[in-house]
Amino acid sequence: MTSFALSPSRAADFLSCPLKFRYRVIDKLPDPPSEAALRGTLVHSVLEHLYKNAPSKRRPQDALDLLPKAWKTLSQADYVPEVLPTAEDEQKMLKAARELVKSYFHIENPQMLAPAAMEQFVRTKVGGLSVCGFIDRIDVSPRGKVRIVDYKTGKSPSPRFQDDKIFQMLFYAMMWRADRGEIPARLQLIFLKDGRVLTVDPTESQVRQMQERVLHIWESISQAAQTESFTPRKSPLCKWCAFTQYCPAFGGEQPPQPGERTKELLSAFN
């Protein structure tokens, strides 16, 4: 049995709707990606491979030249025909991906950067809880200062809706401190669609508070799992949910909670 580890996205799922968390993590119900998610995966792949080039080969056209190969690989996934049913849909998505790749060069000059790692998977323990996440890029300055960078292909949120993005960034800082024994000097979210950058220089207090919050979230998850009481939380986001047919808030009926997968979930804390 593979033990579960809490990621920032799954923690955010629980905060937005505990029942959605259950269906994704315990029941593992089909949740096909959207066109936006597919486009985001493609752009992330292009930027990852761009940094494998020598600095002189990190120009805008070099990045665009990587897109067809990245798409050829990604397009083999079984779900792609469902997300992009027509050739017109595919071309529209690829055009949008090209624009996002080009916009990246208005934000940073990749020829001047030397990332220490790209698409770095981190799994560690925080207060006895297994946590994990993929970090898009890790930069280390000549003085050894660490910057964690994450790319977002959507628009940047307005200041009053930044909390969930800051939650993700501080989750990474918490993981990094637990895994490497130091707090990153900077956390940076790059929003490719509108060219904005959200930056946080985390403090010891922020990371400590984040750890307390994550452990509190886990306590709520654990209690819901043991009592089989993952409740739905209605919000405007429900219109994009893939699980409404199983949701009591929409007249659906919950299937029995799988026992073995519940044990797998609870194994995250020891």
C-alpha atoms as a PDB file:
ATOM      1  CA  MET A   1       0.000   0.000   0.000  1.00  0.00           C
ATOM      2  CA  THR A   2       1.408   3.389  -0.997  1.00  0.00           C
ATOM      3  CA  SER A   3       1.013   5.951   1.757  1.00  0.00           C
ATOM      4  CA  PHE A   4      -0.702   9.226   0.958  1.00  0.00           C
ATOM      5  CA  ALA A   5       1.093  12.578   1.167  1.00  0.00           C
ATOM      6  CA  LEU A   6      -0.752  15.877   1.378  1.00  0.00           C
ATOM      7  CA  SER A   7       0.021  18.311  -1.450  1.00  0.00           C
ATOM      8  CA  PRO A   8      -0.948  21.994  -1.613  1.00  0.00           C
ATOM      9  CA  SER A   9      -3.554  21.262  -4.300  1.00  0.00           C
ATOM     10  CA  ARG A  10      -5.206  18.491  -2.276  1.00  0.00           C
ATOM     11  CA  ALA A  11      -5.180  20.661   0.849  1.00  0.00           C
ATOM     12  CA  ALA A  12      -6.846  23.405  -1.196  1.00  0.00           C
ATOM     13  CA  ASP A  13      -9.426  20.864  -2.405  1.00  0.00           C
ATOM     14  CA  PHE A  14     -10.384  20.053   1.176  1.00  0.00           C
ATOM     15  CA  LEU A  15     -10.669  23.717   2.102  1.00  0.00           C
ATOM     16  CA  SER A  16     -12.913  24.455  -0.881  1.00  0.00           C
ATOM     17  CA  CYS A  17     -15.054  21.293  -0.570  1.00  0.00           C
ATOM     18  CA  PRO A  18     -14.342  18.280   1.678  1.00  0.00           C
ATOM     19  CA  LEU A  19     -16.487  16.012  -0.512  1.00  0.00           C
ATOM     20  CA  LYS A  20     -14.477  16.944  -3.612  1.00  0.00           C
ATOM     21  CA  PHE A  21     -11.337  16.011  -1.686  1.00  0.00           C
ATOM     22  CA  ARG A  22     -12.831  12.611  -0.830  1.00  0.00           C
ATOM     23  CA  TYR A  23     -13.842  11.856  -4.414  1.00  0.00           C
ATOM     24  CA  ARG A  24     -10.420  12.800  -5.762  1.00  0.00           C
ATOM     25  CA  VAL A  25      -8.245  11.205  -3.072  1.00  0.00           C
ATOM     26  CA  ILE A  26     -10.186   8.276  -1.602  1.00  0.00           C
ATOM     27  CA  ASP A  27     -12.694   7.251  -4.283  1.00  0.00           C
ATOM     28  CA  LYS A  28     -10.371   8.327  -7.127  1.00  0.00           C
ATOM     29  CA  LEU A  29     -13.360   9.114  -9.345  1.00  0.00           C
ATOM     30  CA  PRO A  30     -12.613  10.125 -12.940  1.00  0.00           C
ATOM     31  CA  ASP A  31     -11.834  13.829 -13.121  1.00  0.00           C
ATOM     32  CA  PRO A  32     -10.876  14.623 -16.727  1.00  0.00           C
ATOM     33  CA  PRO A  33      -8.616  17.655 -17.138  1.00  0.00           C
ATOM     34  CA  SER A  34      -9.913  20.796 -18.760  1.00  0.00           C
ATOM     35  CA  GLU A  35      -8.545  22.469 -21.858  1.00  0.00           C
ATOM     36  CA  ALA A  36      -6.914  25.042 -19.575  1.00  0.00           C
ATOM     37  CA  ALA A  37      -5.171  22.298 -17.576  1.00  0.00           C
ATOM     38  CA  LEU A  38      -3.968  20.618 -20.771  1.00  0.00           C
ATOM     39  CA  ARG A  39      -2.607  23.923 -22.055  1.00  0.00           C
ATOM     40  CA  GLY A  40      -0.887  24.531 -18.725  1.00  0.00           C
ATOM     41  CA  THR A  41       0.804  21.123 -18.807  1.00  0.00           C
ATOM     42  CA  LEU A  42       2.047  21.813 -22.332  1.00  0.00           C
ATOM     43  CA  VAL A  43       3.497  25.221 -21.461  1.00  0.00           C
ATOM     44  CA  HIS A  44       5.170  23.852 -18.327  1.00  0.00           C
ATOM     45  CA  SER A  45       6.791  21.123 -20.429  1.00  0.00           C
ATOM     46  CA  VAL A  46       8.134  23.666 -22.922  1.00  0.00           C
ATOM     47  CA  LEU A  47       9.647  25.849 -20.189  1.00  0.00           C
ATOM     48  CA  GLU A  48      11.171  22.836 -18.453  1.00  0.00           C
ATOM     49  CA  HIS A  49      12.883  21.686 -21.651  1.00  0.00           C
ATOM     50  CA  LEU A  50      13.933  25.230 -22.558  1.00  0.00           C
ATOM     51  CA  TYR A  51      16.244  25.293 -19.539  1.00  0.00           C
ATOM     52  CA  LYS A  52      17.900  22.093 -20.706  1.00  0.00           C
ATOM     53  CA  ASN A  53      19.257  24.123 -23.625  1.00  0.00           C
ATOM     54  CA  ALA A  54      22.496  26.068 -23.404  1.00  0.00           C
ATOM     55  CA  PRO A  55      21.804  29.714 -22.411  1.00  0.00           C
ATOM     56  CA  SER A  56      22.434  30.877 -25.988  1.00  0.00           C
ATOM     57  CA  LYS A  57      19.607  28.571 -27.144  1.00  0.00           C
ATOM     58  CA  ARG A  58      16.971  30.020 -24.828  1.00  0.00           C
ATOM     59  CA  ARG A  59      15.499  32.622 -27.163  1.00  0.00           C
ATOM     60  CA  PRO A  60      11.758  33.000 -27.854  1.00  0.00           C
ATOM     61  CA  GLN A  61      11.984  31.051 -31.105  1.00  0.00           C
ATOM     62  CA  ASP A  62      13.929  28.276 -29.384  1.00  0.00           C
ATOM     63  CA  ALA A  63      11.054  27.893 -26.938  1.00  0.00           C
ATOM     64  CA  LEU A  64       8.441  27.908 -29.694  1.00  0.00           C
ATOM     65  CA  ASP A  65      10.433  25.262 -31.568  1.00  0.00           C
ATOM     66  CA  LEU A  66      10.066  22.967 -28.536  1.00  0.00           C
ATOM     67  CA  LEU A  67       6.287  23.167 -28.560  1.00  0.00           C
ATOM     68  CA  PRO A  68       5.497  20.696 -31.411  1.00  0.00           C
ATOM     69  CA  LYS A  69       7.576  17.905 -29.847  1.00  0.00           C
ATOM     70  CA  ALA A  70       6.097  18.533 -26.399  1.00  0.00           C
ATOM     71  CA  TRP A  71       2.601  18.455 -27.879  1.00  0.00           C
ATOM     72  CA  LYS A  72       3.299  15.260 -29.822  1.00  0.00           C
ATOM     73  CA  THR A  73       4.118  13.525 -26.541  1.00  0.00           C
ATOM     74  CA  LEU A  74       1.262  15.033 -24.546  1.00  0.00           C
ATOM     75  CA  SER A  75      -1.335  14.447 -27.259  1.00  0.00           C
ATOM     76  CA  GLN A  76      -0.948  10.670 -26.872  1.00  0.00           C
ATOM     77  CA  ALA A  77      -2.866  10.773 -23.575  1.00  0.00           C
ATOM     78  CA  ASP A  78      -6.215   8.958 -23.709  1.00  0.00           C
ATOM     79  CA  TYR A  79      -8.214  11.951 -22.489  1.00  0.00           C
ATOM     80  CA  VAL A  80      -7.050  14.420 -25.168  1.00  0.00           C
ATOM     81  CA  PRO A  81      -9.769  13.601 -27.762  1.00  0.00           C
ATOM     82  CA  GLU A  82     -12.402  14.309 -25.116  1.00  0.00           C
ATOM     83  CA  VAL A  83     -10.854  17.656 -24.200  1.00  0.00           C
ATOM     84  CA  LEU A  84     -10.093  18.671 -27.808  1.00  0.00           C
ATOM     85  CA  PRO A  85     -12.660  16.871 -29.984  1.00  0.00           C
ATOM     86  CA  THR A  86     -11.910  18.763 -33.227  1.00  0.00           C
ATOM     87  CA  ALA A  87      -8.827  19.909 -35.132  1.00  0.00           C
ATOM     88  CA  GLU A  88     -10.086  23.463 -34.683  1.00  0.00           C
ATOM     89  CA  ASP A  89     -10.115  23.013 -30.898  1.00  0.00           C
ATOM     90  CA  GLU A  90      -6.560  21.691 -31.031  1.00  0.00           C
ATOM     91  CA  GLN A  91      -5.287  24.604 -33.111  1.00  0.00           C
ATOM     92  CA  LYS A  92      -6.999  27.114 -30.842  1.00  0.00           C
ATOM     93  CA  MET A  93      -5.347  25.567 -27.789  1.00  0.00           C
ATOM     94  CA  LEU A  94      -1.921  25.479 -29.469  1.00  0.00           C
ATOM     95  CA  LYS A  95      -2.234  29.134 -30.464  1.00  0.00           C
ATOM     96  CA  ALA A  96      -3.020  30.078 -26.867  1.00  0.00           C
ATOM     97  CA  ALA A  97      -0.047  28.000 -25.661  1.00  0.00           C
ATOM     98  CA  ARG A  98       2.266  29.798 -28.092  1.00  0.00           C
ATOM     99  CA  GLU A  99       1.104  33.171 -26.776  1.00  0.00           C
ATOM    100  CA  LEU A 100       1.808  32.106 -23.201  1.00  0.00           C
ATOM    101  CA  VAL A 101       5.291  30.886 -24.127  1.00  0.00           C
ATOM    102  CA  LYS A 102       6.031  34.190 -25.873  1.00  0.00           C
ATOM    103  CA  SER A 103       4.739  36.197 -22.921  1.00  0.00           C
ATOM    104  CA  TYR A 104       7.234  34.471 -20.627  1.00  0.00           C
ATOM    105  CA  PHE A 105      10.081  36.344 -22.310  1.00  0.00           C
ATOM    106  CA  HIS A 106       8.547  39.684 -21.319  1.00  0.00           C
ATOM    107  CA  ILE A 107       8.858  38.650 -17.669  1.00  0.00           C
ATOM    108  CA  GLU A 108      12.264  36.954 -17.428  1.00  0.00           C
ATOM    109  CA  ASN A 109      15.362  36.497 -19.546  1.00  0.00           C
ATOM    110  CA  PRO A 110      16.108  32.748 -19.360  1.00  0.00           C
ATOM    111  CA  GLN A 111      19.545  33.326 -20.879  1.00  0.00           C
ATOM    112  CA  MET A 112      20.546  35.009 -17.616  1.00  0.00           C
ATOM    113  CA  LEU A 113      19.291  32.252 -15.308  1.00  0.00           C
ATOM    114  CA  ALA A 114      20.867  28.974 -14.209  1.00  0.00           C
ATOM    115  CA  PRO A 115      18.207  26.950 -12.370  1.00  0.00           C
ATOM    116  CA  ALA A 116      19.416  24.416  -9.826  1.00  0.00           C
ATOM    117  CA  ALA A 117      16.413  22.200 -10.614  1.00  0.00           C
ATOM    118  CA  MET A 118      13.261  22.061 -12.749  1.00  0.00           C
ATOM    119  CA  GLU A 119      10.044  20.174 -11.946  1.00  0.00           C
ATOM    120  CA  GLN A 120      11.517  19.097  -8.626  1.00  0.00           C
ATOM    121  CA  PHE A 121       9.408  16.614  -6.658  1.00  0.00           C
ATOM    122  CA  VAL A 122       9.730  17.027  -2.904  1.00  0.00           C
ATOM    123  CA  ARG A 123       8.314  14.584  -0.357  1.00  0.00           C
ATOM    124  CA  THR A 124       9.032  15.030   3.318  1.00  0.00           C
ATOM    125  CA  LYS A 125       7.427  15.016   6.764  1.00  0.00           C
ATOM    126  CA  VAL A 126       6.105  17.990   8.699  1.00  0.00           C
ATOM    127  CA  GLY A 127       5.144  17.293  12.302  1.00  0.00           C
ATOM    128  CA  GLY A 128       4.632  13.613  11.472  1.00  0.00           C
ATOM    129  CA  LEU A 129       2.550  14.333   8.355  1.00  0.00           C
ATOM    130  CA  SER A 130       3.762  13.282   4.893  1.00  0.00           C
ATOM    131  CA  VAL A 131       3.586  16.210   2.477  1.00  0.00           C
ATOM    132  CA  CYS A 132       4.635  16.511  -1.142  1.00  0.00           C
ATOM    133  CA  GLY A 133       4.632  18.777  -4.157  1.00  0.00           C
ATOM    134  CA  PHE A 134       6.205  19.540  -7.530  1.00  0.00           C
ATOM    135  CA  ILE A 135       8.213  22.755  -7.651  1.00  0.00           C
ATOM    136  CA  ASP A 136       8.461  24.217 -11.156  1.00  0.00           C
ATOM    137  CA  ARG A 137      11.873  25.828 -10.722  1.00  0.00           C
ATOM    138  CA  ILE A 138      14.496  26.271  -8.032  1.00  0.00           C
ATOM    139  CA  ASP A 139      17.087  29.031  -8.357  1.00  0.00           C
ATOM    140  CA  VAL A 140      20.130  29.360  -6.104  1.00  0.00           C
ATOM    141  CA  SER A 141      22.061  32.637  -5.995  1.00  0.00           C
ATOM    142  CA  PRO A 142      25.879  32.790  -5.810  1.00  0.00           C
ATOM    143  CA  ARG A 143      25.422  33.447  -2.082  1.00  0.00           C
ATOM    144  CA  GLY A 144      23.354  30.296  -1.697  1.00  0.00           C
ATOM    145  CA  LYS A 145      19.968  31.998  -1.362  1.00  0.00           C
ATOM    146  CA  VAL A 146      17.093  29.840  -2.657  1.00  0.00           C
ATOM    147  CA  ARG A 147      14.224  31.116  -4.781  1.00  0.00           C
ATOM    148  CA  ILE A 148      11.250  28.865  -5.520  1.00  0.00           C
ATOM    149  CA  VAL A 149       9.415  29.735  -8.736  1.00  0.00           C
ATOM    150  CA  ASP A 150       6.017  28.531  -9.900  1.00  0.00           C
ATOM    151  CA  TYR A 151       4.434  29.221 -13.292  1.00  0.00           C
ATOM    152  CA  LYS A 152       0.718  29.885 -13.670  1.00  0.00           C
ATOM    153  CA  THR A 153      -0.882  29.967 -17.107  1.00  0.00           C
ATOM    154  CA  GLY A 154      -4.038  31.724 -15.933  1.00  0.00           C
ATOM    155  CA  LYS A 155      -4.580  35.347 -14.980  1.00  0.00           C
ATOM    156  CA  SER A 156      -3.246  36.708 -11.728  1.00  0.00           C
ATOM    157  CA  PRO A 157      -5.853  37.095  -8.989  1.00  0.00           C
ATOM    158  CA  SER A 158      -6.925  40.458  -7.642  1.00  0.00           C
ATOM    159  CA  PRO A 159      -5.385  41.269  -4.236  1.00  0.00           C
ATOM    160  CA  ARG A 160      -8.483  40.126  -2.343  1.00  0.00           C
ATOM    161  CA  PHE A 161      -8.302  36.681  -3.996  1.00  0.00           C
ATOM    162  CA  GLN A 162      -4.568  36.059  -3.551  1.00  0.00           C
ATOM    163  CA  ASP A 163      -4.868  33.984  -0.388  1.00  0.00           C
ATOM    164  CA  ASP A 164      -5.020  30.578  -2.113  1.00  0.00           C
ATOM    165  CA  LYS A 165      -1.930  31.406  -4.190  1.00  0.00           C
ATOM    166  CA  ILE A 166      -0.019  32.566  -1.123  1.00  0.00           C
ATOM    167  CA  PHE A 167      -1.151  29.370   0.645  1.00  0.00           C
ATOM    168  CA  GLN A 168       0.501  27.287  -2.085  1.00  0.00           C
ATOM    169  CA  MET A 169       3.720  29.303  -1.938  1.00  0.00           C
ATOM    170  CA  LEU A 170       4.002  29.079   1.835  1.00  0.00           C
ATOM    171  CA  PHE A 171       3.251  25.345   1.631  1.00  0.00           C
ATOM    172  CA  TYR A 172       6.350  25.034  -0.583  1.00  0.00           C
ATOM    173  CA  ALA A 173       8.392  27.076   1.907  1.00  0.00           C
ATOM    174  CA  MET A 174       7.226  24.806   4.729  1.00  0.00           C
ATOM    175  CA  MET A 175       8.197  21.696   2.725  1.00  0.00           C
ATOM    176  CA  TRP A 176      11.575  23.127   1.795  1.00  0.00           C
ATOM    177  CA  ARG A 177      12.403  24.009   5.390  1.00  0.00           C
ATOM    178  CA  ALA A 178      11.395  20.515   6.545  1.00  0.00           C
ATOM    179  CA  ASP A 179      13.405  18.835   3.767  1.00  0.00           C
ATOM    180  CA  ARG A 180      16.475  21.085   3.574  1.00  0.00           C
ATOM    181  CA  GLY A 181      16.583  22.774   6.963  1.00  0.00           C
ATOM    182  CA  GLU A 182      16.288  26.314   5.629  1.00  0.00           C
ATOM    183  CA  ILE A 183      13.578  28.737   4.580  1.00  0.00           C
ATOM    184  CA  PRO A 184      13.703  29.864   0.928  1.00  0.00           C
ATOM    185  CA  ALA A 185      14.696  33.507   0.586  1.00  0.00           C
ATOM    186  CA  ARG A 186      11.957  34.135  -1.973  1.00  0.00           C
ATOM    187  CA  LEU A 187       8.796  32.556  -3.367  1.00  0.00           C
ATOM    188  CA  GLN A 188       7.690  33.719  -6.791  1.00  0.00           C
ATOM    189  CA  LEU A 189       4.545  33.063  -8.802  1.00  0.00           C
ATOM    190  CA  ILE A 190       4.732  34.040 -12.472  1.00  0.00           C
ATOM    191  CA  PHE A 191       1.369  34.582 -14.182  1.00  0.00           C
ATOM    192  CA  LEU A 192       2.020  34.151 -17.889  1.00  0.00           C
ATOM    193  CA  LYS A 193      -1.372  35.335 -19.130  1.00  0.00           C
ATOM    194  CA  ASP A 194      -1.056  38.896 -17.852  1.00  0.00           C
ATOM    195  CA  GLY A 195       2.656  39.100 -17.068  1.00  0.00           C
ATOM    196  CA  ARG A 196       2.262  39.749 -13.359  1.00  0.00           C
ATOM    197  CA  VAL A 197       4.570  38.360 -10.696  1.00  0.00           C
ATOM    198  CA  LEU A 198       3.514  37.678  -7.110  1.00  0.00           C
ATOM    199  CA  THR A 199       6.456  37.598  -4.711  1.00  0.00           C
ATOM    200  CA  VAL A 200       6.683  36.593  -1.057  1.00  0.00           C
ATOM    201  CA  ASP A 201       9.835  36.649   1.074  1.00  0.00           C
ATOM    202  CA  PRO A 202       8.752  34.173   3.772  1.00  0.00           C
ATOM    203  CA  THR A 203       9.575  34.682   7.427  1.00  0.00           C
ATOM    204  CA  GLU A 204      10.098  32.135  10.179  1.00  0.00           C
ATOM    205  CA  SER A 205       6.774  33.203  11.687  1.00  0.00           C
ATOM    206  CA  GLN A 206       4.899  32.687   8.405  1.00  0.00           C
ATOM    207  CA  VAL A 207       6.360  29.214   7.902  1.00  0.00           C
ATOM    208  CA  ARG A 208       5.608  28.210  11.489  1.00  0.00           C
ATOM    209  CA  GLN A 209       2.012  29.445  11.151  1.00  0.00           C
ATOM    210  CA  MET A 210       1.707  27.579   7.863  1.00  0.00           C
ATOM    211  CA  GLN A 211       2.817  24.341   9.504  1.00  0.00           C
ATOM    212  CA  GLU A 212       0.238  24.821  12.255  1.00  0.00           C
ATOM    213  CA  ARG A 213      -2.461  25.475   9.668  1.00  0.00           C
ATOM    214  CA  VAL A 214      -1.560  22.431   7.563  1.00  0.00           C
ATOM    215  CA  LEU A 215      -1.580  20.156  10.600  1.00  0.00           C
ATOM    216  CA  HIS A 216      -4.971  21.574  11.575  1.00  0.00           C
ATOM    217  CA  ILE A 217      -6.257  20.856   8.047  1.00  0.00           C
ATOM    218  CA  TRP A 218      -4.953  17.299   8.394  1.00  0.00           C
ATOM    219  CA  GLU A 219      -6.779  16.865  11.705  1.00  0.00           C
ATOM    220  CA  SER A 220     -10.011  17.845   9.951  1.00  0.00           C
ATOM    221  CA  ILE A 221      -9.298  15.465   7.052  1.00  0.00           C
ATOM    222  CA  SER A 222      -8.488  12.608   9.428  1.00  0.00           C
ATOM    223  CA  GLN A 223     -11.652  13.166  11.444  1.00  0.00           C
ATOM    224  CA  ALA A 224     -13.796  13.301   8.293  1.00  0.00           C
ATOM    225  CA  ALA A 225     -12.191  10.090   6.999  1.00  0.00           C
ATOM    226  CA  GLN A 226     -12.691   8.163  10.225  1.00  0.00           C
ATOM    227  CA  THR A 227     -16.312   9.284  10.636  1.00  0.00           C
ATOM    228  CA  GLU A 228     -17.096   9.120   6.896  1.00  0.00           C
ATOM    229  CA  SER A 229     -18.361  12.682   7.037  1.00  0.00           C
ATOM    230  CA  PHE A 230     -16.884  14.512   4.065  1.00  0.00           C
ATOM    231  CA  THR A 231     -19.548  17.182   3.568  1.00  0.00           C
ATOM    232  CA  PRO A 232     -20.141  19.163   0.357  1.00  0.00           C
ATOM    233  CA  ARG A 233     -19.601  22.916   0.355  1.00  0.00           C
ATOM    234  CA  LYS A 234     -21.603  24.771  -2.283  1.00  0.00           C
ATOM    235  CA  SER A 235     -19.942  27.686  -4.054  1.00  0.00           C
ATOM    236  CA  PRO A 236     -19.737  29.244  -7.535  1.00  0.00           C
ATOM    237  CA  LEU A 237     -16.965  26.694  -8.251  1.00  0.00           C
ATOM    238  CA  CYS A 238     -19.562  23.902  -8.287  1.00  0.00           C
ATOM    239  CA  LYS A 239     -20.415  24.675 -11.915  1.00  0.00           C
ATOM    240  CA  TRP A 240     -16.999  23.291 -12.929  1.00  0.00           C
ATOM    241  CA  CYS A 241     -17.091  20.239 -10.644  1.00  0.00           C
ATOM    242  CA  ALA A 242     -16.975  16.782 -12.237  1.00  0.00           C
ATOM    243  CA  PHE A 243     -18.691  15.125  -9.257  1.00  0.00           C
ATOM    244  CA  THR A 244     -22.111  16.816  -9.048  1.00  0.00           C
ATOM    245  CA  GLN A 245     -23.901  13.552  -9.943  1.00  0.00           C
ATOM    246  CA  TYR A 246     -22.579  12.092  -6.667  1.00  0.00           C
ATOM    247  CA  CYS A 247     -23.189  15.227  -4.602  1.00  0.00           C
ATOM    248  CA  PRO A 248     -26.115  15.458  -2.139  1.00  0.00           C
ATOM    249  CA  ALA A 249     -26.138  19.230  -2.615  1.00  0.00           C
ATOM    250  CA  PHE A 250     -27.274  18.580  -6.199  1.00  0.00           C
ATOM    251  CA  GLY A 251     -29.566  15.638  -5.501  1.00  0.00           C
ATOM    252  CA  GLY A 252     -26.879  13.006  -6.059  1.00  0.00           C
ATOM    253  CA  GLU A 253     -26.155   9.981  -3.897  1.00  0.00           C
ATOM    254  CA  GLN A 254     -22.765   9.366  -2.311  1.00  0.00           C
ATOM    255  CA  PRO A 255     -21.244   5.932  -2.970  1.00  0.00           C
ATOM    256  CA  PRO A 256     -19.901   4.011   0.052  1.00  0.00           C
ATOM    257  CA  GLN A 257     -16.506   5.294   1.179  1.00  0.00           C
ATOM    258  CA  PRO A 258     -13.783   2.765   0.162  1.00  0.00           C
ATOM    259  CA  GLY A 259     -12.251   1.316   3.324  1.00  0.00           C
ATOM    260  CA  GLU A 260      -8.836   0.298   1.967  1.00  0.00           C
ATOM    261  CA  ARG A 261      -8.242   3.691   0.370  1.00  0.00           C
ATOM    262  CA  THR A 262      -9.292   5.377   3.597  1.00  0.00           C
ATOM    263  CA  LYS A 263      -6.520   3.429   5.358  1.00  0.00           C
ATOM    264  CA  GLU A 264      -4.107   4.571   2.652  1.00  0.00           C
ATOM    265  CA  LEU A 265      -5.091   8.176   3.298  1.00  0.00           C
ATOM    266  CA  LEU A 266      -4.707   7.881   7.072  1.00  0.00           C
ATOM    267  CA  SER A 267      -1.237   6.345   6.666  1.00  0.00           C
ATOM    268  CA  ALA A 268       0.045   9.836   5.808  1.00  0.00           C
ATOM    269  CA  PHE A 269       0.452  10.585   9.515  1.00  0.00           C
ATOM    270  CA  ASN A 270       2.688   8.497  11.737  1.00  0.00           C
END
